[in-house]
Amino acid sequence: MLTVALVAAVLFALLTGTMLATTIAALGLIVLYFAFGGNFSVLGNSLWNTFNSFTFTAVPAFILLGEILGQSGLAQRIYGAISPGFERLPGKLLQTNIGACTVFSAISGSSTATTAVVGSIAYDELKRRGYDQRAVVGTIAAGGTLGILIPPSIALIVYGAWQNVSVGALFIAGIVPGILLATMFMIFIGVMVRLRPAMVPDVAEGMSLGGALLKSLEAWPFAILIFAILGTIFLGLATPTEAAALGIATAIVLALLYRELTLGRVWAALQSTVRTFSALAFVIAGALVLSQAVALTGLPKQLITMVGEAGLPPPVVITLIYAMYLVLGCFFGPIEMLLITLPFVFPLVTGLGFDPVWFGIVLVIVIEIGLLTPPLGINLFVIMAISRNEVSLGEAAIACLPYWLLMLAALVLITLEPQLALFLPNAVGFR
């Protein structure tokens, strides 16, 4: 009954334009009132403990880091430093888009920020040079999805903090799947360019190998930035929250060295961070209210019992969960999906014996697919904004379809072989 009520509430929010946070919080309060006589005492402690969590503090910190990178011009320098090397591959700057998204993902933790920053650098330039528009759109939007898989991922932080799963283990587990997806994208681009050479301009854009290597040395400050964030976590020198703060400090120092960061840009980054996190915090608060109501009703245990009585094998259950998330991805952003569904799904998945770290990775991949799925795939709208509506929603979706299928293939592969996600955290002792 509560599941039906939740679906009805979410549909109501979509159809009426009501804030999702308000809708799900109201549903949770109604359940607490009628089922438990208005016992709201648990809510205060739950809200305080979550927002006062040291781990959860990493979320606004990584949002701010991404904003500083975008405002300071450091992202443009990353793109310029790695371009010559990727231009030597079939696909040239199309390959650079994937490479830049991969590098930026290892700094920002956000798919929207990755798509917006790389897209703002690459779209107009590649269009001016005569690259196929559909190919450009597909590489930027698909590459941007890596932002929530490759660490430091805000989605993985929320998942780990929300369900008490090691964020460090999740970060390490995301490395191989992230590199796997980036490699699949680049191989696909290379194959398509061989089949359709007109996708890229027929001009000699690449410099010599020596020149490309020399140019890549300009990326040394960003290697320091990545080490400050990821290296300190993996070596056990810092928690994700401490690494985020260290990353912000490092990014500011680098931006000041390049003399591209002004007080006005810092203020703009702070304002954007406050707006983004405030909107997210409202959804988190609403989800916390609903989560408490769900836990008190015992619904997760009922779901596990129902699945057991139905005799559904775990592979069928996980496939149905994937299907549910693929549908939800048409309508919700990644964090909203996590917050709304995990109170129901996580106990069911772990109760069936699935590894919580592995599930965090495959869940993020499913959410990545949702970012490219109309009618509300977020990355599609980012592309529309970058192109100033030169690219329609339908055109963006068609351009992303091959990458959508590649991500689905990666999801199947990691489902069939969980060690692709788990062997690295196991090997370095994060389990």
Protein backbone atom coordinates (compact mmCIF):
# COMPACT_ATOMS: atom_id res chain seq x y z
CA MET A 1 0.00 0.00 0.00
CA LEU A 2 2.83 2.39 0.89
CA THR A 3 4.55 1.59 -2.41
CA VAL A 4 1.38 2.50 -4.33
CA ALA A 5 1.09 5.71 -2.30
CA LEU A 6 4.72 6.61 -3.08
CA VAL A 7 4.22 6.07 -6.81
CA ALA A 8 1.03 8.16 -6.69
CA ALA A 9 2.83 10.92 -4.79
CA VAL A 10 5.71 11.01 -7.27
CA LEU A 11 3.31 11.12 -10.23
CA PHE A 12 1.42 13.93 -8.50
CA ALA A 13 4.64 15.91 -8.15
CA LEU A 14 5.50 15.38 -11.82
CA LEU A 15 2.05 16.32 -13.13
CA THR A 16 1.47 19.36 -10.91
CA GLY A 17 4.98 20.74 -10.74
CA THR A 18 5.04 20.41 -6.95
CA MET A 19 8.50 20.20 -5.39
CA LEU A 20 9.49 16.55 -5.12
CA ALA A 21 10.99 17.16 -1.67
CA THR A 22 7.68 18.54 -0.39
CA THR A 23 5.69 15.66 -1.82
CA ILE A 24 7.76 12.81 -0.42
CA ALA A 25 8.16 14.54 2.96
CA ALA A 26 4.39 15.02 3.18
CA LEU A 27 3.87 11.35 2.37
CA GLY A 28 6.28 10.33 5.12
CA LEU A 29 4.59 12.62 7.65
CA ILE A 30 1.17 11.25 6.74
CA VAL A 31 2.38 7.68 7.25
CA LEU A 32 3.95 8.56 10.60
CA TYR A 33 0.80 10.36 11.72
CA PHE A 34 -1.74 7.69 10.85
CA ALA A 35 0.36 4.58 11.43
CA PHE A 36 2.23 5.67 14.55
CA GLY A 37 0.01 8.32 16.11
CA GLY A 38 2.08 11.29 15.05
CA ASN A 39 5.36 10.04 16.50
CA PHE A 40 7.68 12.59 14.90
CA SER A 41 10.37 12.47 17.58
CA VAL A 42 12.69 10.35 15.44
CA LEU A 43 12.82 12.92 12.65
CA GLY A 44 14.83 15.57 14.48
CA ASN A 45 17.67 13.23 15.35
CA SER A 46 17.66 11.65 11.89
CA LEU A 47 17.88 15.01 10.10
CA TRP A 48 20.58 16.27 12.46
CA ASN A 49 22.69 13.12 12.26
CA THR A 50 22.58 13.10 8.45
CA PHE A 51 23.36 16.75 7.79
CA ASN A 52 25.93 16.80 10.60
CA SER A 53 27.65 13.70 9.20
CA PHE A 54 31.34 14.24 8.45
CA THR A 55 31.11 12.01 5.38
CA PHE A 56 28.09 13.85 4.02
CA THR A 57 29.98 17.16 4.21
CA ALA A 58 31.94 15.95 1.18
CA VAL A 59 28.89 16.53 -1.05
CA PRO A 60 28.85 20.37 -0.97
CA ALA A 61 32.65 20.34 -0.94
CA PHE A 62 32.86 18.45 -4.24
CA ILE A 63 30.13 20.64 -5.72
CA LEU A 64 32.23 23.69 -4.84
CA LEU A 65 35.35 22.06 -6.31
CA GLY A 66 33.58 21.53 -9.63
CA GLU A 67 32.36 25.12 -9.65
CA ILE A 68 35.86 26.48 -8.97
CA LEU A 69 37.29 24.39 -11.81
CA GLY A 70 34.65 25.75 -14.17
CA GLN A 71 34.99 29.37 -13.07
CA SER A 72 38.79 29.44 -12.99
CA GLY A 73 39.50 28.24 -16.51
CA LEU A 74 41.46 25.23 -15.26
CA ALA A 75 39.15 22.93 -17.21
CA GLN A 76 40.14 24.61 -20.48
CA ARG A 77 43.79 24.01 -19.65
CA ILE A 78 43.09 20.32 -19.00
CA TYR A 79 41.42 20.02 -22.41
CA GLY A 80 44.25 21.85 -24.16
CA ALA A 81 46.96 19.77 -22.50
CA ILE A 82 45.54 16.36 -23.41
CA SER A 83 44.18 17.21 -26.88
CA PRO A 84 47.39 16.63 -28.92
CA GLY A 85 47.76 13.08 -27.65
CA PHE A 86 44.18 12.09 -28.40
CA GLU A 87 44.22 13.81 -31.81
CA ARG A 88 46.56 11.06 -33.00
CA LEU A 89 43.77 8.48 -32.53
CA PRO A 90 40.99 7.77 -35.05
CA GLY A 91 38.35 10.33 -34.21
CA LYS A 92 40.81 13.03 -33.14
CA LEU A 93 39.01 15.60 -30.98
CA LEU A 94 36.05 13.25 -30.52
CA GLN A 95 38.47 11.06 -28.58
CA THR A 96 39.65 14.15 -26.71
CA ASN A 97 36.09 14.74 -25.52
CA ILE A 98 36.01 11.31 -23.87
CA GLY A 99 39.51 11.76 -22.45
CA ALA A 100 38.69 15.21 -21.08
CA CYS A 101 35.46 13.94 -19.52
CA THR A 102 37.39 11.08 -17.90
CA VAL A 103 39.99 13.43 -16.43
CA PHE A 104 37.44 16.00 -15.31
CA SER A 105 35.33 13.24 -13.74
CA ALA A 106 38.31 12.36 -11.56
CA ILE A 107 38.14 15.89 -10.16
CA SER A 108 34.54 17.08 -10.14
CA GLY A 109 32.35 14.11 -9.09
CA SER A 110 29.36 15.37 -11.08
CA SER A 111 28.03 14.30 -14.46
CA THR A 112 26.19 17.57 -15.03
CA ALA A 113 29.30 19.63 -14.28
CA THR A 114 31.46 17.37 -16.47
CA THR A 115 29.06 17.61 -19.41
CA ALA A 116 28.61 21.36 -19.03
CA VAL A 117 32.30 22.21 -18.67
CA VAL A 118 33.65 19.94 -21.42
CA GLY A 119 30.71 20.80 -23.66
CA SER A 120 31.24 24.54 -23.26
CA ILE A 121 34.86 24.07 -24.34
CA ALA A 122 34.38 21.54 -27.13
CA TYR A 123 31.00 22.02 -28.82
CA ASP A 124 31.55 25.30 -30.65
CA GLU A 125 35.18 24.53 -31.46
CA LEU A 126 34.47 21.12 -32.99
CA LYS A 127 31.48 22.48 -34.86
CA ARG A 128 33.68 25.25 -36.29
CA ARG A 129 36.25 22.70 -37.44
CA GLY A 130 33.65 20.66 -39.30
CA TYR A 131 33.11 17.65 -37.04
CA ASP A 132 29.84 15.78 -37.41
CA GLN A 133 27.39 17.44 -35.00
CA ARG A 134 25.74 14.19 -33.92
CA ALA A 135 29.13 12.66 -33.12
CA VAL A 136 30.15 15.71 -31.08
CA VAL A 137 26.91 15.69 -29.10
CA GLY A 138 27.13 11.97 -28.39
CA THR A 139 30.71 12.08 -27.12
CA ILE A 140 30.09 15.05 -24.80
CA ALA A 141 26.83 13.76 -23.31
CA ALA A 142 28.03 10.17 -22.92
CA GLY A 143 31.46 11.16 -21.65
CA GLY A 144 29.79 13.41 -19.10
CA THR A 145 28.01 10.46 -17.50
CA LEU A 146 31.39 9.22 -16.26
CA GLY A 147 31.27 12.05 -13.72
CA ILE A 148 29.14 10.01 -11.31
CA LEU A 149 31.05 6.74 -11.74
CA ILE A 150 34.72 7.66 -11.75
CA PRO A 151 35.73 8.79 -8.25
CA PRO A 152 35.20 11.17 -6.57
CA SER A 153 31.52 10.64 -7.35
CA ILE A 154 28.90 12.66 -5.49
CA ALA A 155 26.36 9.91 -6.20
CA LEU A 156 28.62 7.31 -4.57
CA ILE A 157 29.15 9.59 -1.57
CA VAL A 158 25.39 9.95 -1.12
CA TYR A 159 24.90 6.19 -1.55
CA GLY A 160 27.65 5.35 0.93
CA ALA A 161 26.60 7.90 3.55
CA TRP A 162 22.91 7.03 3.13
CA GLN A 163 23.36 3.26 3.50
CA ASN A 164 26.49 3.14 5.68
CA VAL A 165 28.72 1.66 2.96
CA SER A 166 32.43 2.54 2.85
CA VAL A 167 32.83 5.52 0.51
CA GLY A 168 36.52 4.68 0.06
CA ALA A 169 35.63 1.17 -1.12
CA LEU A 170 33.01 2.60 -3.47
CA PHE A 171 35.52 5.04 -4.93
CA ILE A 172 38.09 2.33 -5.62
CA ALA A 173 35.40 0.02 -7.00
CA GLY A 174 34.38 2.70 -9.51
CA ILE A 175 37.82 2.98 -11.12
CA VAL A 176 37.83 -0.14 -13.31
CA PRO A 177 34.20 0.18 -14.50
CA GLY A 178 34.82 3.86 -15.25
CA ILE A 179 37.93 3.12 -17.30
CA LEU A 180 36.10 0.22 -18.96
CA LEU A 181 33.26 2.49 -20.09
CA ALA A 182 35.64 5.20 -21.32
CA THR A 183 37.59 2.57 -23.29
CA MET A 184 34.40 1.17 -24.81
CA PHE A 185 33.38 4.68 -25.88
CA MET A 186 36.76 5.33 -27.48
CA ILE A 187 36.83 2.00 -29.32
CA PHE A 188 33.34 2.70 -30.65
CA ILE A 189 34.43 6.14 -31.88
CA GLY A 190 37.45 4.64 -33.61
CA VAL A 191 35.32 2.00 -35.35
CA MET A 192 32.71 4.53 -36.46
CA VAL A 193 35.33 6.88 -37.86
CA ARG A 194 36.82 4.00 -39.87
CA LEU A 195 33.35 3.22 -41.25
CA ARG A 196 32.35 6.87 -41.75
CA PRO A 197 35.46 9.01 -42.29
CA ALA A 198 33.29 12.07 -42.97
CA MET A 199 32.55 12.29 -39.22
CA VAL A 200 35.86 14.13 -38.74
CA PRO A 201 37.41 16.84 -40.93
CA ASP A 202 40.02 15.66 -43.39
CA VAL A 203 42.81 17.91 -42.13
CA ALA A 204 46.08 17.23 -40.35
CA GLU A 205 45.30 18.44 -36.82
CA GLY A 206 47.75 16.42 -34.81
CA MET A 207 51.27 17.52 -33.90
CA SER A 208 54.23 15.17 -33.79
CA LEU A 209 54.47 12.52 -31.10
CA GLY A 210 57.23 14.46 -29.39
CA GLY A 211 55.16 17.63 -29.51
CA ALA A 212 52.14 15.82 -28.11
CA LEU A 213 54.20 14.43 -25.22
CA LEU A 214 55.68 17.86 -24.55
CA LYS A 215 52.22 19.43 -24.56
CA SER A 216 50.92 16.78 -22.17
CA LEU A 217 53.50 17.90 -19.61
CA GLU A 218 51.39 21.01 -19.18
CA ALA A 219 48.91 18.78 -17.37
CA TRP A 220 51.25 18.27 -14.40
CA PRO A 221 49.29 20.62 -12.12
CA PHE A 222 46.18 18.56 -12.69
CA ALA A 223 48.01 15.36 -11.83
CA ILE A 224 48.76 17.05 -8.51
CA LEU A 225 45.08 17.95 -8.15
CA ILE A 226 43.95 14.38 -8.85
CA PHE A 227 46.50 13.05 -6.36
CA ALA A 228 45.33 15.56 -3.75
CA ILE A 229 41.81 14.18 -4.09
CA LEU A 230 42.10 10.49 -4.98
CA GLY A 231 45.67 9.67 -4.01
CA THR A 232 45.19 10.80 -0.44
CA ILE A 233 42.04 8.68 -0.13
CA PHE A 234 43.57 5.54 -1.63
CA LEU A 235 46.73 5.85 0.48
CA GLY A 236 44.66 6.24 3.62
CA LEU A 237 45.95 9.77 4.22
CA ALA A 238 42.54 11.45 4.11
CA THR A 239 38.84 10.73 4.26
CA PRO A 240 36.69 11.71 1.25
CA THR A 241 35.63 14.88 3.08
CA GLU A 242 39.20 15.85 3.91
CA ALA A 243 40.26 15.05 0.33
CA ALA A 244 37.49 17.31 -1.00
CA ALA A 245 38.72 20.19 1.16
CA LEU A 246 42.30 19.51 0.07
CA GLY A 247 41.14 19.46 -3.56
CA ILE A 248 39.45 22.84 -3.18
CA ALA A 249 42.60 24.35 -1.66
CA THR A 250 44.78 22.84 -4.41
CA ALA A 251 42.45 24.06 -7.17
CA ILE A 252 42.47 27.58 -5.75
CA VAL A 253 46.27 27.62 -5.52
CA LEU A 254 46.60 26.38 -9.13
CA ALA A 255 44.07 28.92 -10.37
CA LEU A 256 45.94 31.72 -8.59
CA LEU A 257 49.22 30.54 -10.14
CA TYR A 258 47.62 30.85 -13.59
CA ARG A 259 46.09 34.19 -12.54
CA GLU A 260 42.68 33.17 -13.78
CA LEU A 261 40.70 33.28 -10.53
CA THR A 262 39.14 36.54 -9.37
CA LEU A 263 37.05 37.38 -6.33
CA GLY A 264 34.05 37.73 -8.63
CA ARG A 265 34.51 34.21 -9.95
CA VAL A 266 34.98 32.81 -6.45
CA TRP A 267 31.75 34.52 -5.40
CA ALA A 268 29.96 33.09 -8.44
CA ALA A 269 31.24 29.60 -7.57
CA LEU A 270 30.04 29.96 -3.98
CA GLN A 271 26.61 31.19 -5.08
CA SER A 272 26.18 28.33 -7.53
CA THR A 273 27.28 25.81 -4.88
CA VAL A 274 24.75 27.15 -2.38
CA ARG A 275 21.94 27.01 -4.94
CA THR A 276 22.81 23.48 -6.04
CA PHE A 277 23.26 22.04 -2.57
CA SER A 278 20.21 23.82 -1.16
CA ALA A 279 18.00 22.20 -3.78
CA LEU A 280 19.62 18.84 -3.07
CA ALA A 281 19.31 19.30 0.71
CA PHE A 282 15.55 19.79 0.46
CA VAL A 283 15.23 16.50 -1.41
CA ILE A 284 17.47 14.77 1.14
CA ALA A 285 15.37 16.10 4.02
CA GLY A 286 12.17 14.89 2.36
CA ALA A 287 13.73 11.51 1.65
CA LEU A 288 14.85 11.20 5.28
CA VAL A 289 11.28 11.71 6.48
CA LEU A 290 10.03 9.08 4.04
CA SER A 291 12.89 6.73 4.94
CA GLN A 292 11.98 6.85 8.62
CA ALA A 293 8.35 6.10 7.80
CA VAL A 294 9.34 3.20 5.55
CA ALA A 295 11.64 1.72 8.21
CA LEU A 296 9.00 1.95 10.93
CA THR A 297 6.36 0.24 8.78
CA GLY A 298 8.66 -2.73 8.23
CA LEU A 299 8.10 -2.52 4.47
CA PRO A 300 11.66 -3.61 3.50
CA LYS A 301 11.27 -6.84 5.48
CA GLN A 302 7.86 -7.38 3.90
CA LEU A 303 9.40 -6.97 0.43
CA ILE A 304 12.09 -9.56 1.21
CA THR A 305 9.43 -11.96 2.49
CA MET A 306 7.26 -11.40 -0.59
CA VAL A 307 10.17 -12.05 -2.95
CA GLY A 308 11.05 -15.22 -1.04
CA GLU A 309 7.47 -16.48 -1.14
CA ALA A 310 7.22 -15.68 -4.86
CA GLY A 311 10.22 -17.91 -5.50
CA LEU A 312 11.96 -15.34 -7.68
CA PRO A 313 15.67 -16.12 -8.07
CA PRO A 314 18.07 -13.25 -7.24
CA PRO A 315 19.11 -12.68 -10.91
CA VAL A 316 15.47 -12.08 -11.85
CA VAL A 317 15.02 -9.68 -8.93
CA ILE A 318 18.11 -7.66 -9.82
CA THR A 319 16.97 -7.50 -13.46
CA LEU A 320 13.59 -6.15 -12.36
CA ILE A 321 15.37 -3.57 -10.20
CA TYR A 322 17.44 -2.50 -13.21
CA ALA A 323 14.26 -2.14 -15.26
CA MET A 324 12.68 0.00 -12.55
CA TYR A 325 15.67 2.34 -12.48
CA LEU A 326 15.76 2.59 -16.27
CA VAL A 327 12.15 3.80 -16.19
CA LEU A 328 12.78 6.18 -13.28
CA GLY A 329 15.79 7.55 -15.13
CA CYS A 330 13.41 9.02 -17.68
CA PHE A 331 11.97 11.33 -15.02
CA PHE A 332 14.45 11.92 -12.19
CA GLY A 333 18.00 13.04 -11.61
CA PRO A 334 20.56 10.62 -10.17
CA ILE A 335 20.51 11.81 -6.56
CA GLU A 336 16.72 12.00 -6.44
CA MET A 337 16.48 8.42 -7.67
CA LEU A 338 18.89 7.22 -5.01
CA LEU A 339 17.13 9.01 -2.19
CA ILE A 340 13.61 7.94 -3.16
CA THR A 341 14.32 4.28 -3.85
CA LEU A 342 17.13 3.14 -1.55
CA PRO A 343 14.95 2.81 1.58
CA PHE A 344 13.05 0.10 -0.31
CA VAL A 345 15.67 -1.36 -2.61
CA PHE A 346 18.84 -1.54 -0.51
CA PRO A 347 17.47 -3.87 2.22
CA LEU A 348 15.99 -6.09 -0.49
CA VAL A 349 19.25 -6.32 -2.45
CA THR A 350 21.47 -6.97 0.55
CA GLY A 351 18.89 -9.37 1.98
CA LEU A 352 19.24 -11.43 -1.19
CA GLY A 353 23.00 -11.64 -0.66
CA PHE A 354 24.25 -9.07 -3.17
CA ASP A 355 27.39 -7.14 -2.25
CA PRO A 356 26.54 -3.52 -1.26
CA VAL A 357 29.70 -2.11 -2.87
CA TRP A 358 29.01 -3.95 -6.14
CA PHE A 359 25.38 -2.81 -6.06
CA GLY A 360 26.48 0.80 -5.61
CA ILE A 361 28.53 0.59 -8.81
CA VAL A 362 25.91 -1.11 -10.99
CA LEU A 363 23.26 1.24 -9.60
CA VAL A 364 25.31 4.25 -10.69
CA ILE A 365 25.73 2.74 -14.17
CA VAL A 366 21.95 2.32 -14.45
CA ILE A 367 21.56 5.93 -13.33
CA GLU A 368 24.13 6.97 -15.96
CA ILE A 369 21.89 5.41 -18.60
CA GLY A 370 19.01 7.47 -17.23
CA LEU A 371 21.02 10.65 -17.80
CA LEU A 372 20.81 9.95 -21.55
CA THR A 373 17.18 8.82 -21.60
CA PRO A 374 14.38 11.18 -22.71
CA PRO A 375 12.10 12.85 -21.84
CA LEU A 376 14.04 14.18 -18.81
CA GLY A 377 17.59 12.88 -19.29
CA ILE A 378 19.59 15.64 -17.62
CA ASN A 379 22.65 15.42 -19.88
CA LEU A 380 20.43 15.81 -22.93
CA PHE A 381 19.15 19.14 -21.60
CA VAL A 382 22.69 20.26 -20.77
CA ILE A 383 23.63 19.60 -24.40
CA MET A 384 20.59 21.56 -25.59
CA ALA A 385 21.65 24.50 -23.42
CA ILE A 386 25.27 24.36 -24.60
CA SER A 387 24.18 24.31 -28.25
CA ARG A 388 21.72 27.17 -27.62
CA ASN A 389 18.94 24.83 -28.78
CA GLU A 390 20.63 24.10 -32.10
CA VAL A 391 20.28 20.46 -31.01
CA SER A 392 16.79 19.25 -30.14
CA LEU A 393 15.99 16.75 -27.41
CA GLY A 394 15.28 14.07 -30.00
CA GLU A 395 18.51 14.73 -31.89
CA ALA A 396 20.53 14.57 -28.67
CA ALA A 397 18.84 11.30 -27.67
CA ILE A 398 19.54 9.73 -31.07
CA ALA A 399 23.18 10.84 -30.90
CA CYS A 400 23.51 9.18 -27.48
CA LEU A 401 21.76 5.92 -28.41
CA PRO A 402 24.95 3.97 -29.27
CA TYR A 403 26.52 5.00 -25.96
CA TRP A 404 23.27 4.09 -24.16
CA LEU A 405 23.63 0.58 -25.58
CA LEU A 406 27.32 0.43 -24.65
CA MET A 407 26.51 1.34 -21.05
CA LEU A 408 23.82 -1.33 -21.02
CA ALA A 409 26.42 -3.84 -22.25
CA ALA A 410 28.82 -2.75 -19.50
CA LEU A 411 26.03 -3.16 -16.95
CA VAL A 412 25.41 -6.73 -18.11
CA LEU A 413 29.15 -7.47 -18.06
CA ILE A 414 29.65 -6.21 -14.49
CA THR A 415 26.50 -8.02 -13.37
CA LEU A 416 27.80 -11.30 -14.77
CA GLU A 417 31.32 -10.66 -13.48
CA PRO A 418 31.08 -8.68 -10.20
CA GLN A 419 34.84 -8.90 -9.66
CA LEU A 420 35.30 -6.21 -12.31
CA ALA A 421 34.09 -3.85 -9.60
CA LEU A 422 35.24 -5.71 -6.50
CA PHE A 423 38.72 -7.05 -7.16
CA LEU A 424 40.47 -3.67 -6.77
CA PRO A 425 38.96 -2.73 -3.36
CA ASN A 426 39.60 -6.31 -2.23
CA ALA A 427 43.20 -6.14 -3.43
CA VAL A 428 44.04 -2.89 -1.64
CA GLY A 429 42.33 -3.87 1.60
CA PHE A 430 39.29 -1.59 1.51
CA ARG A 431 36.91 -4.47 2.30
